[in-house]
Amino acid sequence: MTSAVAGELSAELRGFREVQTLAYACAEAVAAQLKPGVTERDAARMQRDWLRERGVRDWFHLPFAWFGDRTAFVNFRIPLQFFPTNRKLEPGMPFILDMAPVYKGFTADIGYSGCLGLNPVHDKLLADLEAHRELILREVRERRPLREIYEDVDRLMVRQGYANRHRAYPFGVIAHKVDRVKERRLTPHLFGFGTQSLKGLASDAIHGHRDGWSPLWSPYKFSDHPPRQGLWAVEPHLGFRGTGAKFEEILVVTDSKDPEQSAFWLDDDLPHVRRWAEERAAA
């Protein structure tokens, strides 16, 4: 992938940014409607309905919602535990909305952390995520092996006093590649994941295995390679005593020799980034 001219994005990157913006708008709209008694399944359905009303017909994965200690994946041992449950939202309870729509053939995968009312622990987790966003971008620009960057994120979490909760995901991934998906009228799914997107990820895995890289960014040996050009959905996830928080957004990696253009976040106008800016302005 070639670099973007400063301040400008290619038509393809604009397509990815459009669907990512749409997904975050959905998260904010649904979060504003959450109230005590709403279940995770209700919140997941609200995300699906909101996006379908705006033209989304396919998914990398269907929407998830996690409430309370499920935001920290407490006692999660099998993949089925990630799916929405009848857990009800209560005052002061943290929540995470996670969705991965495909729109006009472009894919996004986002994570939005919020809380129903005041929760100082959750606020601190959100604030401390900013350092992870900065670390990841800096070390990707340095072309450090993905496995080493993962370990550095781990070390930063330990210094902050948190547990690594993205390690609970299959293969312990902190990120995965995203690509364009061929639009289809029928959108079959397998265990909540769009089959077209799974085919693309499997194809990348096969080619990557042959060429010495992986579309999954994990703590394991298959991620012991420099960042691969393309788009990566990155999701550092912090946990502390039953409270979890994360962001998830697209990181662009290019072939540019210019450090600033060699890797950059697709969009800085996102809820968590605005929150950090507002907190600095108020300090």
Protein backbone atom coordinates (compact mmCIF):
# COMPACT_ATOMS: atom_id res chain seq x y z
CA MET A 1 0.00 0.00 0.00
CA THR A 2 1.42 3.37 -0.99
CA SER A 3 1.42 6.29 1.40
CA ALA A 4 -1.17 9.04 1.61
CA VAL A 5 -0.21 12.60 0.81
CA ALA A 6 -0.25 14.63 4.03
CA GLY A 7 -3.80 15.73 4.75
CA GLU A 8 -5.23 13.66 1.91
CA LEU A 9 -6.41 10.07 1.62
CA SER A 10 -6.77 7.88 -1.44
CA ALA A 11 -10.26 6.95 -2.58
CA GLU A 12 -9.74 3.50 -1.09
CA LEU A 13 -8.72 4.84 2.32
CA ARG A 14 -11.65 7.24 2.25
CA GLY A 15 -13.90 4.20 1.80
CA PHE A 16 -12.46 2.55 4.89
CA ARG A 17 -12.70 5.78 6.85
CA GLU A 18 -16.35 6.18 5.83
CA VAL A 19 -17.34 2.79 7.23
CA GLN A 20 -15.25 3.30 10.38
CA THR A 21 -16.95 6.68 10.93
CA LEU A 22 -20.33 5.03 10.39
CA ALA A 23 -19.53 2.33 12.95
CA TYR A 24 -18.44 4.84 15.59
CA ALA A 25 -21.56 6.93 14.93
CA CYS A 26 -23.57 3.76 15.57
CA ALA A 27 -21.70 3.13 18.82
CA GLU A 28 -22.36 6.65 20.07
CA ALA A 29 -26.03 6.50 19.06
CA VAL A 30 -26.59 3.16 20.77
CA ALA A 31 -24.60 4.19 23.87
CA ALA A 32 -26.86 7.23 24.23
CA GLN A 33 -29.91 4.91 24.34
CA LEU A 34 -28.58 2.51 26.94
CA LYS A 35 -30.33 2.51 30.31
CA PRO A 36 -30.72 0.19 33.30
CA GLY A 37 -32.32 -3.10 32.35
CA VAL A 38 -31.07 -3.19 28.75
CA THR A 39 -29.37 -6.52 28.03
CA GLU A 40 -26.26 -7.28 25.99
CA ARG A 41 -28.50 -8.94 23.41
CA ASP A 42 -30.64 -5.80 23.24
CA ALA A 43 -27.53 -3.65 22.68
CA ALA A 44 -26.20 -5.98 19.97
CA ARG A 45 -29.57 -5.91 18.21
CA MET A 46 -29.67 -2.10 18.44
CA GLN A 47 -26.29 -1.92 16.68
CA ARG A 48 -27.42 -4.30 13.94
CA ASP A 49 -30.67 -2.42 13.36
CA TRP A 50 -29.00 1.01 13.30
CA LEU A 51 -26.43 -0.08 10.73
CA ARG A 52 -28.91 -2.01 8.57
CA GLU A 53 -31.11 1.06 8.41
CA ARG A 54 -28.11 2.86 6.89
CA GLY A 55 -27.31 0.29 4.25
CA VAL A 56 -25.03 -2.27 5.92
CA ARG A 57 -25.72 -5.78 4.60
CA ASP A 58 -22.57 -7.68 5.47
CA TRP A 59 -20.20 -7.99 8.40
CA PHE A 60 -16.69 -9.01 9.28
CA HIS A 61 -18.43 -10.02 12.48
CA LEU A 62 -21.86 -9.30 13.91
CA PRO A 63 -22.05 -6.76 16.77
CA PHE A 64 -21.04 -7.69 20.30
CA ALA A 65 -21.90 -6.04 23.61
CA TRP A 66 -20.30 -6.72 26.99
CA PHE A 67 -21.53 -5.35 30.34
CA GLY A 68 -20.02 -5.25 33.82
CA ASP A 69 -17.20 -7.71 34.52
CA ARG A 70 -17.73 -9.17 31.06
CA THR A 71 -15.93 -6.05 29.76
CA ALA A 72 -12.80 -7.60 31.31
CA PHE A 73 -13.63 -11.10 29.99
CA VAL A 74 -13.69 -12.47 33.54
CA ASN A 75 -13.62 -16.30 33.44
CA PHE A 76 -13.87 -16.38 29.61
CA ARG A 77 -12.52 -19.74 28.51
CA ILE A 78 -14.28 -20.59 25.23
CA PRO A 79 -15.16 -18.43 22.19
CA LEU A 80 -18.92 -18.82 22.72
CA GLN A 81 -18.61 -16.71 25.88
CA PHE A 82 -17.94 -13.63 23.73
CA PHE A 83 -21.45 -13.69 22.31
CA PRO A 84 -24.07 -11.34 23.85
CA THR A 85 -26.02 -12.62 26.84
CA ASN A 86 -29.00 -11.56 28.94
CA ARG A 87 -26.71 -9.65 31.33
CA LYS A 88 -28.56 -6.45 32.26
CA LEU A 89 -26.97 -3.03 32.45
CA GLU A 90 -26.96 -1.34 35.86
CA PRO A 91 -26.03 2.17 37.05
CA GLY A 92 -22.26 2.66 37.20
CA MET A 93 -21.66 -0.41 35.06
CA PRO A 94 -19.04 -0.29 32.25
CA PHE A 95 -19.92 -1.52 28.77
CA ILE A 96 -18.17 -2.20 25.48
CA LEU A 97 -19.81 -2.12 22.06
CA ASP A 98 -17.86 -3.90 19.31
CA MET A 99 -18.96 -4.11 15.68
CA ALA A 100 -17.40 -4.85 12.31
CA PRO A 101 -19.65 -3.78 9.42
CA VAL A 102 -18.89 -4.07 5.72
CA TYR A 103 -20.22 -1.10 3.72
CA LYS A 104 -19.77 -0.63 -0.03
CA GLY A 105 -17.16 -3.37 0.10
CA PHE A 106 -15.08 -1.69 2.81
CA THR A 107 -14.57 -3.18 6.30
CA ALA A 108 -14.23 -1.60 9.73
CA ASP A 109 -13.85 -3.20 13.14
CA ILE A 110 -14.33 -0.85 16.08
CA GLY A 111 -14.59 -1.00 19.86
CA TYR A 112 -16.30 1.64 21.98
CA SER A 113 -15.98 1.74 25.77
CA GLY A 114 -18.46 3.56 27.96
CA CYS A 115 -20.11 3.55 31.35
CA LEU A 116 -23.68 4.06 32.55
CA GLY A 117 -23.02 6.91 34.96
CA LEU A 118 -19.94 7.59 37.04
CA ASN A 119 -17.15 5.04 37.39
CA PRO A 120 -13.69 6.45 38.29
CA VAL A 121 -11.92 3.14 37.59
CA HIS A 122 -13.35 3.03 34.09
CA ASP A 123 -12.38 6.67 33.50
CA LYS A 124 -8.78 5.88 34.51
CA LEU A 125 -8.63 2.88 32.18
CA LEU A 126 -9.84 4.99 29.26
CA ALA A 127 -7.32 7.72 30.02
CA ASP A 128 -4.44 5.23 30.24
CA LEU A 129 -5.27 3.74 26.85
CA GLU A 130 -3.84 6.84 25.17
CA ALA A 131 -0.28 5.75 25.94
CA HIS A 132 -0.93 2.45 24.16
CA ARG A 133 -2.12 4.21 21.01
CA GLU A 134 1.06 6.29 21.00
CA LEU A 135 3.36 3.32 21.70
CA ILE A 136 1.84 1.15 18.97
CA LEU A 137 2.13 3.84 16.30
CA ARG A 138 5.69 4.75 17.28
CA GLU A 139 6.96 1.17 17.21
CA VAL A 140 5.15 0.29 13.97
CA ARG A 141 6.90 3.27 12.37
CA GLU A 142 10.19 1.87 13.70
CA ARG A 143 9.28 -1.41 11.94
CA ARG A 144 9.69 -3.39 15.11
CA PRO A 145 8.46 -7.00 14.86
CA LEU A 146 4.79 -7.27 15.73
CA ARG A 147 5.53 -9.79 18.44
CA GLU A 148 7.93 -7.35 20.14
CA ILE A 149 5.38 -4.53 19.97
CA TYR A 150 2.83 -6.84 21.56
CA GLU A 151 5.29 -7.55 24.38
CA ASP A 152 5.95 -3.83 24.85
CA VAL A 153 2.20 -3.21 25.15
CA ASP A 154 2.14 -5.96 27.77
CA ARG A 155 4.97 -4.31 29.71
CA LEU A 156 3.22 -0.94 29.62
CA MET A 157 0.05 -2.54 31.00
CA VAL A 158 2.02 -4.09 33.85
CA ARG A 159 3.60 -0.71 34.70
CA GLN A 160 0.12 0.83 34.71
CA GLY A 161 -1.14 -1.93 36.99
CA TYR A 162 -3.50 -3.59 34.50
CA ALA A 163 -4.12 -7.02 33.02
CA ASN A 164 -3.92 -7.76 29.32
CA ARG A 165 -7.46 -8.72 28.28
CA HIS A 166 -6.98 -8.92 24.52
CA ARG A 167 -5.01 -12.07 25.30
CA ALA A 168 -8.40 -13.70 25.95
CA TYR A 169 -9.28 -13.44 22.25
CA PRO A 170 -8.61 -16.42 19.98
CA PHE A 171 -4.84 -16.60 19.37
CA GLY A 172 -4.44 -13.76 21.90
CA VAL A 173 -4.60 -11.17 19.12
CA ILE A 174 -4.23 -7.44 19.66
CA ALA A 175 -4.99 -6.79 15.98
CA HIS A 176 -5.84 -8.36 12.64
CA LYS A 177 -5.70 -7.27 9.02
CA VAL A 178 -8.80 -5.91 7.30
CA ASP A 179 -9.43 -5.73 3.58
CA ARG A 180 -12.03 -4.99 0.99
CA VAL A 181 -14.81 -7.55 0.65
CA LYS A 182 -16.76 -8.35 -2.47
CA GLU A 183 -20.34 -7.21 -2.00
CA ARG A 184 -23.03 -9.87 -2.21
CA ARG A 185 -26.80 -9.80 -1.91
CA LEU A 186 -26.77 -12.79 0.40
CA THR A 187 -24.49 -12.51 3.41
CA PRO A 188 -24.00 -15.92 5.05
CA HIS A 189 -22.31 -16.07 8.45
CA LEU A 190 -20.39 -18.68 10.39
CA PHE A 191 -20.41 -18.34 14.19
CA GLY A 192 -21.17 -14.62 13.83
CA PHE A 193 -18.47 -13.93 11.25
CA GLY A 194 -19.15 -13.08 7.60
CA THR A 195 -18.00 -15.92 5.36
CA GLN A 196 -16.60 -13.52 2.73
CA SER A 197 -14.42 -11.83 5.35
CA LEU A 198 -13.31 -15.18 6.77
CA LYS A 199 -12.30 -16.32 3.30
CA GLY A 200 -10.17 -13.20 2.90
CA LEU A 201 -8.50 -13.68 6.26
CA ALA A 202 -7.86 -17.36 5.49
CA SER A 203 -6.35 -16.44 2.13
CA ASP A 204 -4.04 -13.95 3.84
CA ALA A 205 -3.09 -16.60 6.39
CA ILE A 206 -2.20 -19.10 3.67
CA HIS A 207 -0.14 -16.62 1.65
CA GLY A 208 1.40 -15.17 4.77
CA HIS A 209 2.47 -18.58 6.06
CA ARG A 210 4.26 -19.17 2.78
CA ASP A 211 5.92 -15.73 2.85
CA GLY A 212 6.69 -15.54 6.57
CA TRP A 213 3.97 -13.25 7.95
CA SER A 214 0.52 -13.52 9.52
CA PRO A 215 -2.68 -11.44 9.28
CA LEU A 216 -3.08 -12.01 13.04
CA TRP A 217 -1.01 -9.85 15.41
CA SER A 218 -0.39 -12.10 18.39
CA PRO A 219 2.18 -12.93 21.09
CA TYR A 220 3.23 -16.06 19.20
CA LYS A 221 6.07 -16.88 16.85
CA PHE A 222 3.97 -16.47 13.70
CA SER A 223 3.83 -12.71 14.49
CA ASP A 224 7.60 -12.42 14.77
CA HIS A 225 7.91 -10.24 11.66
CA PRO A 226 7.85 -6.50 10.81
CA PRO A 227 4.48 -4.81 10.22
CA ARG A 228 2.94 -5.87 6.93
CA GLN A 229 1.65 -3.18 4.58
CA GLY A 230 -2.11 -2.82 4.67
CA LEU A 231 -4.82 -1.99 7.16
CA TRP A 232 -4.90 -3.38 10.70
CA ALA A 233 -7.78 -3.23 13.20
CA VAL A 234 -5.92 -2.65 16.48
CA GLU A 235 -7.55 -3.19 19.89
CA PRO A 236 -5.49 -2.94 23.09
CA HIS A 237 -7.76 -4.04 25.94
CA LEU A 238 -7.04 -3.21 29.58
CA GLY A 239 -8.56 -4.94 32.59
CA PHE A 240 -8.61 -4.11 36.30
CA ARG A 241 -10.61 -5.99 38.94
CA GLY A 242 -13.60 -6.79 36.77
CA THR A 243 -13.59 -3.59 34.72
CA GLY A 244 -12.36 -3.56 31.13
CA ALA A 245 -11.87 -0.86 28.50
CA LYS A 246 -10.47 -0.75 25.00
CA PHE A 247 -10.53 1.08 21.73
CA GLU A 248 -10.40 -0.49 18.29
CA GLU A 249 -9.60 1.37 15.09
CA ILE A 250 -7.74 1.04 11.80
CA LEU A 251 -3.99 1.55 11.58
CA VAL A 252 -2.60 2.08 8.05
CA VAL A 253 0.84 0.68 7.22
CA THR A 254 2.44 1.80 3.93
CA ASP A 255 5.67 1.42 1.96
CA SER A 256 6.70 5.05 2.50
CA LYS A 257 10.21 5.91 3.69
CA ASP A 258 8.79 8.98 5.46
CA PRO A 259 8.22 7.88 9.08
CA GLU A 260 4.98 9.86 9.42
CA GLN A 261 3.62 8.38 6.23
CA SER A 262 4.94 4.86 6.85
CA ALA A 263 2.17 4.29 9.39
CA PHE A 264 -0.72 6.39 10.66
CA TRP A 265 -4.10 6.04 12.28
CA LEU A 266 -6.79 6.23 9.62
CA ASP A 267 -8.70 8.90 11.54
CA ASP A 268 -7.96 11.01 14.62
CA ASP A 269 -11.51 12.32 14.88
CA LEU A 270 -12.79 9.43 17.01
CA PRO A 271 -14.60 9.43 20.37
CA HIS A 272 -11.67 8.22 22.48
CA VAL A 273 -9.21 10.60 20.80
CA ARG A 274 -11.57 13.55 21.30
CA ARG A 275 -12.01 12.54 24.93
CA TRP A 276 -8.26 12.61 25.56
CA ALA A 277 -7.97 16.02 23.88
CA GLU A 278 -10.79 17.38 26.02
CA GLU A 279 -9.18 16.03 29.19
CA ARG A 280 -5.86 17.70 28.31
CA ALA A 281 -7.62 20.99 27.57
CA ALA A 282 -9.41 20.85 30.92
CA ALA A 283 -6.25 19.99 32.91
